[in-house]
């Protein structure tokens, strides 16, 4: 099932008990983007079409310029908060509660509940949908699609 993963940047926030890491955006991002950590420690939008970019390690929940960018956009160089473990509220999912949430193979930073199956695509779970508005981040292991 497709999981749009839309998040209102004005209501998106980590809930109590989250592990949050501050990092520098290495590229333009959006609040709610699944991100991976580059070799320089910066975060970039994850995309499951390549092992190098597929390692979704968390979701962006805030950034240093949020008051200036109320639409939730983040410019490269901004400091962001990334939830690497725990519940994040603010999703308008329409997804399957209890189902896994994967890094999208087609859209950088996006998440989906449709497990990647294409040649060369990576299966990377970033967590599961706890209820209609909460994704529990529990980043998984990178695994290539069978036969790729």
N, C-alpha and C. Protein backbone atom coordinates (compact mmCIF):
# COMPACT_ATOMS: atom_id res chain seq x y z
N UNK A 1 0.83 -1.18 0.00
CA UNK A 1 0.00 0.00 0.00
C UNK A 1 0.87 1.24 0.00
N UNK A 2 0.54 2.18 -0.82
CA UNK A 2 1.27 3.44 -0.84
C UNK A 2 1.07 4.17 0.47
N UNK A 3 2.09 4.81 0.91
CA UNK A 3 2.07 5.56 2.15
C UNK A 3 2.59 6.95 1.82
N UNK A 4 1.70 7.93 1.74
CA UNK A 4 2.16 9.23 1.28
C UNK A 4 3.16 9.89 2.21
N UNK A 5 3.10 9.58 3.48
CA UNK A 5 4.08 10.12 4.40
C UNK A 5 4.07 11.64 4.49
N UNK A 6 2.93 12.26 4.20
CA UNK A 6 2.90 13.70 4.35
C UNK A 6 2.93 14.06 5.82
N UNK A 7 3.56 15.16 6.13
CA UNK A 7 3.67 15.59 7.51
C UNK A 7 3.52 17.09 7.55
N UNK A 8 2.69 17.57 8.44
CA UNK A 8 2.51 19.00 8.63
C UNK A 8 3.70 19.52 9.42
N UNK A 9 4.54 20.41 8.84
CA UNK A 9 5.73 20.88 9.55
C UNK A 9 5.39 21.66 10.81
N UNK A 10 4.16 22.12 10.94
CA UNK A 10 3.77 22.87 12.12
C UNK A 10 3.31 21.98 13.27
N UNK A 11 2.99 20.71 12.99
CA UNK A 11 2.56 19.79 14.04
C UNK A 11 3.51 18.62 14.21
N UNK A 12 4.44 18.44 13.28
CA UNK A 12 5.39 17.34 13.36
C UNK A 12 6.31 17.55 14.55
N UNK A 13 6.44 16.49 15.35
CA UNK A 13 7.34 16.59 16.49
C UNK A 13 7.64 15.19 17.03
N UNK A 14 8.79 15.07 17.67
CA UNK A 14 9.09 13.82 18.34
C UNK A 14 8.31 13.73 19.64
N UNK A 15 7.92 12.53 20.00
CA UNK A 15 7.25 12.32 21.29
C UNK A 15 8.29 11.91 22.34
N UNK A 16 7.87 11.92 23.58
CA UNK A 16 8.78 11.60 24.69
C UNK A 16 9.45 10.25 24.48
N UNK A 17 10.73 10.21 24.81
CA UNK A 17 11.49 8.96 24.72
C UNK A 17 12.28 8.79 23.45
N UNK A 18 12.22 9.76 22.55
CA UNK A 18 12.95 9.66 21.29
C UNK A 18 14.45 9.88 21.48
N UNK A 19 15.21 9.24 20.61
CA UNK A 19 16.63 9.55 20.49
C UNK A 19 16.74 10.53 19.33
N UNK A 20 17.30 11.70 19.61
CA UNK A 20 17.39 12.76 18.60
C UNK A 20 18.84 13.17 18.44
N UNK A 21 19.26 13.28 17.19
CA UNK A 21 20.62 13.68 16.86
C UNK A 21 20.57 14.98 16.07
N UNK A 22 21.42 15.93 16.44
CA UNK A 22 21.57 17.16 15.66
C UNK A 22 22.59 16.89 14.56
N UNK A 23 22.28 17.33 13.35
CA UNK A 23 23.19 17.14 12.22
C UNK A 23 23.03 18.30 11.25
N UNK A 24 23.97 18.44 10.36
CA UNK A 24 23.92 19.47 9.33
C UNK A 24 23.33 18.85 8.06
N UNK A 25 22.37 19.56 7.47
CA UNK A 25 21.78 19.10 6.20
C UNK A 25 22.83 19.26 5.09
N UNK A 26 23.15 18.16 4.44
CA UNK A 26 24.12 18.19 3.35
C UNK A 26 23.48 18.52 2.02
N UNK A 27 22.16 18.59 2.01
CA UNK A 27 21.37 18.91 0.81
C UNK A 27 20.07 19.52 1.29
N UNK A 28 19.30 20.10 0.38
CA UNK A 28 17.98 20.60 0.74
C UNK A 28 17.12 19.42 1.20
N UNK A 29 16.36 19.61 2.28
CA UNK A 29 15.51 18.58 2.86
C UNK A 29 14.15 19.16 3.18
N UNK A 30 13.26 18.28 3.67
CA UNK A 30 11.96 18.68 4.19
C UNK A 30 11.77 18.03 5.56
N UNK A 31 11.00 18.72 6.41
CA UNK A 31 10.61 18.08 7.66
C UNK A 31 9.88 16.80 7.27
N UNK A 32 10.22 15.69 7.90
CA UNK A 32 9.71 14.33 7.73
C UNK A 32 10.53 13.48 6.78
N UNK A 33 11.54 14.06 6.13
CA UNK A 33 12.36 13.27 5.22
C UNK A 33 13.10 12.16 5.96
N UNK A 34 13.15 11.00 5.32
CA UNK A 34 14.04 9.93 5.77
C UNK A 34 15.44 10.32 5.29
N UNK A 35 16.42 10.19 6.18
CA UNK A 35 17.77 10.63 5.84
C UNK A 35 18.80 9.56 6.17
N UNK A 36 19.94 9.67 5.48
CA UNK A 36 21.10 8.84 5.79
C UNK A 36 22.25 9.77 6.14
N UNK A 37 23.22 9.25 6.86
CA UNK A 37 24.39 10.03 7.26
C UNK A 37 25.50 9.80 6.25
N UNK A 38 26.01 10.90 5.67
CA UNK A 38 27.13 10.82 4.74
C UNK A 38 28.43 10.61 5.49
N UNK A 39 29.48 10.37 4.75
CA UNK A 39 30.78 10.12 5.38
C UNK A 39 31.31 11.35 6.13
N UNK A 40 30.78 12.53 5.80
CA UNK A 40 31.19 13.75 6.49
C UNK A 40 30.32 14.05 7.72
N UNK A 41 29.36 13.17 8.02
CA UNK A 41 28.48 13.35 9.17
C UNK A 41 27.23 14.15 8.87
N UNK A 42 27.14 14.75 7.69
CA UNK A 42 25.94 15.48 7.29
C UNK A 42 24.84 14.50 6.90
N UNK A 43 23.58 14.97 6.91
CA UNK A 43 22.48 14.11 6.50
C UNK A 43 21.97 14.50 5.12
N UNK A 44 21.54 13.48 4.39
CA UNK A 44 21.06 13.62 3.02
C UNK A 44 19.77 12.83 2.87
N UNK A 45 18.89 13.22 1.92
CA UNK A 45 17.65 12.46 1.73
C UNK A 45 17.94 11.04 1.27
N UNK A 46 17.36 10.07 1.98
CA UNK A 46 17.56 8.66 1.63
C UNK A 46 16.71 8.29 0.43
N UNK A 47 17.24 7.39 -0.39
CA UNK A 47 16.50 6.86 -1.54
C UNK A 47 16.96 5.43 -1.76
N UNK A 48 16.01 4.51 -1.83
CA UNK A 48 16.31 3.07 -1.85
C UNK A 48 16.64 2.52 -3.23
N UNK A 49 17.13 3.35 -4.13
CA UNK A 49 17.50 2.86 -5.46
C UNK A 49 19.00 2.61 -5.56
N UNK A 50 19.74 2.81 -4.47
CA UNK A 50 21.19 2.68 -4.49
C UNK A 50 21.65 2.37 -3.07
N UNK A 51 22.51 1.37 -2.88
CA UNK A 51 22.97 1.05 -1.51
C UNK A 51 23.61 2.24 -0.80
N UNK A 52 24.24 3.13 -1.53
CA UNK A 52 24.93 4.27 -0.92
C UNK A 52 23.96 5.30 -0.34
N UNK A 53 22.75 5.39 -0.88
CA UNK A 53 21.80 6.41 -0.42
C UNK A 53 20.60 5.81 0.31
N UNK A 54 20.55 4.49 0.41
CA UNK A 54 19.36 3.82 0.94
C UNK A 54 19.32 3.70 2.46
N UNK A 55 20.40 3.91 3.13
CA UNK A 55 20.47 3.63 4.56
C UNK A 55 19.73 4.67 5.39
N UNK A 56 18.40 4.62 5.34
CA UNK A 56 17.58 5.54 6.12
C UNK A 56 17.77 5.32 7.60
N UNK A 57 18.36 6.29 8.27
CA UNK A 57 18.68 6.15 9.69
C UNK A 57 17.77 6.92 10.60
N UNK A 58 16.87 7.75 10.03
CA UNK A 58 15.96 8.51 10.87
C UNK A 58 15.12 9.46 10.06
N UNK A 59 14.27 10.22 10.77
CA UNK A 59 13.38 11.19 10.15
C UNK A 59 13.69 12.59 10.66
N UNK A 60 13.73 13.56 9.76
CA UNK A 60 13.96 14.96 10.14
C UNK A 60 12.68 15.49 10.80
N UNK A 61 12.82 16.08 11.99
CA UNK A 61 11.65 16.60 12.70
C UNK A 61 11.71 18.10 12.97
N UNK A 62 12.88 18.70 12.86
CA UNK A 62 13.00 20.14 13.10
C UNK A 62 14.31 20.64 12.51
N UNK A 63 14.39 21.96 12.34
CA UNK A 63 15.64 22.55 11.89
C UNK A 63 15.79 23.95 12.42
N UNK A 64 17.00 24.46 12.34
CA UNK A 64 17.35 25.73 12.96
C UNK A 64 16.59 26.91 12.36
N UNK A 65 16.12 26.79 11.14
CA UNK A 65 15.45 27.90 10.47
C UNK A 65 13.94 27.70 10.37
N UNK A 66 13.36 26.86 11.22
CA UNK A 66 11.95 26.52 11.08
C UNK A 66 11.04 27.75 11.13
N UNK A 67 11.42 28.77 11.87
CA UNK A 67 10.57 29.95 11.93
C UNK A 67 10.61 30.73 10.61
N UNK A 68 11.71 30.62 9.88
CA UNK A 68 11.82 31.31 8.60
C UNK A 68 11.25 30.47 7.46
N UNK A 69 11.19 29.17 7.64
CA UNK A 69 10.74 28.26 6.59
C UNK A 69 9.51 27.49 7.09
N UNK A 70 8.39 28.19 7.24
CA UNK A 70 7.21 27.56 7.82
C UNK A 70 6.62 26.46 6.95
N UNK A 71 7.06 26.36 5.70
CA UNK A 71 6.57 25.29 4.83
C UNK A 71 7.32 23.98 5.08
N UNK A 72 8.29 23.99 5.99
CA UNK A 72 9.00 22.76 6.33
C UNK A 72 10.22 22.48 5.49
N UNK A 73 10.60 23.41 4.61
CA UNK A 73 11.80 23.18 3.82
C UNK A 73 13.04 23.50 4.64
N UNK A 74 14.10 22.79 4.34
CA UNK A 74 15.38 22.94 5.01
C UNK A 74 16.43 23.16 3.94
N UNK A 75 17.24 24.16 4.11
CA UNK A 75 18.30 24.44 3.15
C UNK A 75 19.57 23.71 3.57
N UNK A 76 20.36 23.29 2.59
CA UNK A 76 21.66 22.69 2.87
C UNK A 76 22.44 23.64 3.76
N UNK A 77 23.07 23.08 4.79
CA UNK A 77 23.83 23.88 5.73
C UNK A 77 23.09 24.17 7.03
N UNK A 78 21.75 24.05 7.01
CA UNK A 78 20.97 24.23 8.24
C UNK A 78 21.22 23.06 9.19
N UNK A 79 21.10 23.32 10.47
CA UNK A 79 21.16 22.26 11.46
C UNK A 79 19.77 21.67 11.61
N UNK A 80 19.69 20.35 11.58
CA UNK A 80 18.41 19.65 11.70
C UNK A 80 18.43 18.72 12.90
N UNK A 81 17.23 18.37 13.37
CA UNK A 81 17.06 17.35 14.40
C UNK A 81 16.54 16.10 13.72
N UNK A 82 17.21 14.99 13.95
CA UNK A 82 16.85 13.72 13.32
C UNK A 82 16.49 12.72 14.41
N UNK A 83 15.27 12.20 14.35
CA UNK A 83 14.87 11.13 15.28
C UNK A 83 15.41 9.82 14.71
N UNK A 84 16.26 9.15 15.50
CA UNK A 84 16.82 7.87 15.07
C UNK A 84 16.16 6.69 15.76
N UNK A 85 15.37 6.97 16.80
CA UNK A 85 14.62 5.92 17.49
C UNK A 85 13.49 6.57 18.27
N UNK A 86 12.29 6.06 18.08
CA UNK A 86 11.15 6.53 18.86
C UNK A 86 10.02 7.08 18.01
N UNK A 87 8.93 7.50 18.67
CA UNK A 87 7.73 7.93 17.97
C UNK A 87 7.80 9.37 17.46
N UNK A 88 7.35 9.56 16.23
CA UNK A 88 7.24 10.88 15.61
C UNK A 88 5.78 11.07 15.21
N UNK A 89 5.16 12.13 15.71
CA UNK A 89 3.76 12.41 15.43
C UNK A 89 3.66 13.50 14.39
N UNK A 90 2.56 13.50 13.65
CA UNK A 90 2.32 14.55 12.67
C UNK A 90 2.12 14.03 11.26
N UNK A 91 2.14 12.73 11.07
CA UNK A 91 1.91 12.16 9.74
C UNK A 91 0.42 12.11 9.43
N UNK A 92 0.08 12.31 8.18
CA UNK A 92 -1.28 12.12 7.67
C UNK A 92 -1.17 10.93 6.74
N UNK A 93 -1.22 9.75 7.33
CA UNK A 93 -0.75 8.59 6.61
C UNK A 93 -1.70 7.94 5.62
N UNK A 94 -2.85 7.56 6.09
CA UNK A 94 -3.70 6.73 5.25
C UNK A 94 -3.11 5.36 5.03
N UNK A 95 -2.12 5.00 5.85
CA UNK A 95 -1.43 3.73 5.71
C UNK A 95 -2.02 2.65 6.59
N UNK A 96 -1.33 1.51 6.62
CA UNK A 96 -1.76 0.34 7.39
C UNK A 96 -1.10 0.39 8.77
N UNK A 97 -1.90 0.60 9.80
CA UNK A 97 -1.38 0.64 11.16
C UNK A 97 -0.72 -0.69 11.48
N UNK A 98 0.49 -0.63 12.02
CA UNK A 98 1.27 -1.83 12.33
C UNK A 98 2.19 -2.25 11.21
N UNK A 99 1.98 -1.69 10.01
CA UNK A 99 2.81 -2.05 8.86
C UNK A 99 4.13 -1.31 8.85
N UNK A 100 5.11 -1.94 8.23
CA UNK A 100 6.43 -1.33 8.12
C UNK A 100 6.41 -0.09 7.23
N UNK A 101 7.34 0.80 7.50
CA UNK A 101 7.54 2.01 6.71
C UNK A 101 8.94 1.91 6.12
N UNK A 102 9.03 2.00 4.78
CA UNK A 102 10.29 1.81 4.07
C UNK A 102 10.77 3.11 3.44
N UNK A 103 12.06 3.20 3.18
CA UNK A 103 12.62 4.28 2.36
C UNK A 103 12.11 4.06 0.94
N UNK A 104 11.64 5.12 0.31
CA UNK A 104 11.13 5.05 -1.06
C UNK A 104 12.27 4.86 -2.06
N UNK A 105 12.07 3.99 -3.05
CA UNK A 105 13.08 3.85 -4.10
C UNK A 105 12.93 4.88 -5.22
N UNK A 106 11.82 5.62 -5.22
CA UNK A 106 11.55 6.54 -6.33
C UNK A 106 11.70 8.01 -5.97
N UNK A 107 11.45 8.38 -4.72
CA UNK A 107 11.49 9.79 -4.32
C UNK A 107 12.44 9.96 -3.15
N UNK A 108 13.49 10.74 -3.33
CA UNK A 108 14.47 10.98 -2.28
C UNK A 108 13.80 11.60 -1.06
N UNK A 109 14.05 11.00 0.12
CA UNK A 109 13.51 11.49 1.37
C UNK A 109 12.15 10.94 1.73
N UNK A 110 11.43 10.41 0.76
CA UNK A 110 10.06 9.93 1.01
C UNK A 110 10.07 8.56 1.67
N UNK A 111 8.94 8.25 2.31
CA UNK A 111 8.73 6.93 2.89
C UNK A 111 7.48 6.32 2.26
N UNK A 112 7.40 5.01 2.35
CA UNK A 112 6.30 4.27 1.74
C UNK A 112 6.03 3.01 2.56
N UNK A 113 4.84 2.49 2.45
CA UNK A 113 4.56 1.18 3.03
C UNK A 113 4.62 0.09 1.97
N UNK A 114 4.95 0.47 0.75
CA UNK A 114 5.13 -0.51 -0.32
C UNK A 114 6.58 -0.97 -0.32
N UNK A 115 6.79 -2.24 -0.04
CA UNK A 115 8.14 -2.79 0.02
C UNK A 115 8.78 -2.73 -1.37
N UNK A 116 9.98 -2.15 -1.49
CA UNK A 116 10.65 -2.11 -2.80
C UNK A 116 10.88 -3.51 -3.35
N UNK A 117 10.63 -3.67 -4.64
CA UNK A 117 10.79 -4.99 -5.27
C UNK A 117 11.55 -4.95 -6.58
N UNK A 118 11.90 -3.77 -7.06
CA UNK A 118 12.56 -3.64 -8.35
C UNK A 118 14.03 -4.02 -8.32
N UNK A 119 14.56 -4.35 -9.48
CA UNK A 119 15.98 -4.68 -9.60
C UNK A 119 16.81 -3.49 -9.14
N UNK A 120 17.78 -3.76 -8.28
CA UNK A 120 18.66 -2.72 -7.78
C UNK A 120 18.11 -1.93 -6.62
N UNK A 121 16.85 -2.14 -6.29
CA UNK A 121 16.25 -1.41 -5.16
C UNK A 121 16.63 -2.09 -3.84
N UNK A 122 16.74 -1.29 -2.80
CA UNK A 122 17.11 -1.78 -1.47
C UNK A 122 15.88 -1.76 -0.57
N UNK A 123 15.78 -2.75 0.31
CA UNK A 123 14.68 -2.81 1.26
C UNK A 123 15.22 -2.29 2.59
N UNK A 124 14.79 -1.09 2.96
CA UNK A 124 15.25 -0.46 4.20
C UNK A 124 14.04 0.01 4.99
N UNK A 125 13.80 -0.62 6.12
CA UNK A 125 12.71 -0.23 7.00
C UNK A 125 13.21 0.87 7.93
N UNK A 126 12.43 1.95 8.02
CA UNK A 126 12.77 3.01 8.99
C UNK A 126 11.90 2.91 10.23
N UNK A 127 10.96 1.97 10.24
CA UNK A 127 10.10 1.78 11.40
C UNK A 127 8.75 1.23 11.01
N UNK A 128 7.74 1.59 11.78
CA UNK A 128 6.39 1.10 11.50
C UNK A 128 5.37 2.17 11.85
N UNK A 129 4.19 2.05 11.27
CA UNK A 129 3.10 2.97 11.53
C UNK A 129 2.39 2.53 12.81
N UNK A 130 2.57 3.32 13.89
CA UNK A 130 1.97 2.95 15.18
C UNK A 130 0.49 3.25 15.24
N UNK A 131 0.08 4.37 14.67
CA UNK A 131 -1.34 4.67 14.48
C UNK A 131 -1.43 5.62 13.28
N UNK A 132 -2.59 6.18 13.03
CA UNK A 132 -2.76 6.98 11.82
C UNK A 132 -1.83 8.19 11.71
N UNK A 133 -1.30 8.65 12.82
CA UNK A 133 -0.48 9.87 12.78
C UNK A 133 0.94 9.68 13.32
N UNK A 134 1.27 8.49 13.80
CA UNK A 134 2.58 8.28 14.43
C UNK A 134 3.37 7.20 13.71
N UNK A 135 4.60 7.58 13.31
CA UNK A 135 5.56 6.60 12.82
C UNK A 135 6.55 6.35 13.95
N UNK A 136 6.74 5.09 14.30
CA UNK A 136 7.75 4.73 15.30
C UNK A 136 9.03 4.42 14.54
N UNK A 137 10.01 5.31 14.70
CA UNK A 137 11.28 5.14 13.99
C UNK A 137 12.09 4.05 14.67
N UNK A 138 12.47 3.08 13.87
CA UNK A 138 13.25 1.94 14.33
C UNK A 138 14.01 1.45 13.11
N UNK A 139 15.01 2.24 12.73
CA UNK A 139 15.71 2.01 11.47
C UNK A 139 16.22 0.58 11.35
N UNK A 140 15.98 0.01 10.19
CA UNK A 140 16.31 -1.39 9.96
C UNK A 140 17.62 -1.59 9.23
N UNK A 141 17.75 -2.76 8.69
CA UNK A 141 18.97 -3.20 8.02
C UNK A 141 18.78 -3.11 6.51
N UNK A 142 19.81 -2.74 5.82
CA UNK A 142 19.81 -2.66 4.37
C UNK A 142 19.85 -4.06 3.78
N UNK A 143 18.94 -4.34 2.86
CA UNK A 143 18.92 -5.65 2.20
C UNK A 143 18.53 -5.46 0.74
N UNK A 144 19.33 -5.96 -0.21
CA UNK A 144 18.96 -5.81 -1.61
C UNK A 144 17.75 -6.68 -1.93
N UNK A 145 16.99 -6.22 -2.92
CA UNK A 145 15.86 -7.00 -3.40
C UNK A 145 16.43 -8.28 -4.02
N UNK A 146 15.78 -9.40 -3.78
CA UNK A 146 16.22 -10.67 -4.32
C UNK A 146 16.42 -10.61 -5.83
N UNK A 147 17.53 -11.15 -6.29
CA UNK A 147 17.79 -11.21 -7.72
C UNK A 147 18.46 -9.97 -8.26
N UNK A 148 18.78 -9.00 -7.39
CA UNK A 148 19.42 -7.79 -7.92
C UNK A 148 20.87 -7.72 -7.55
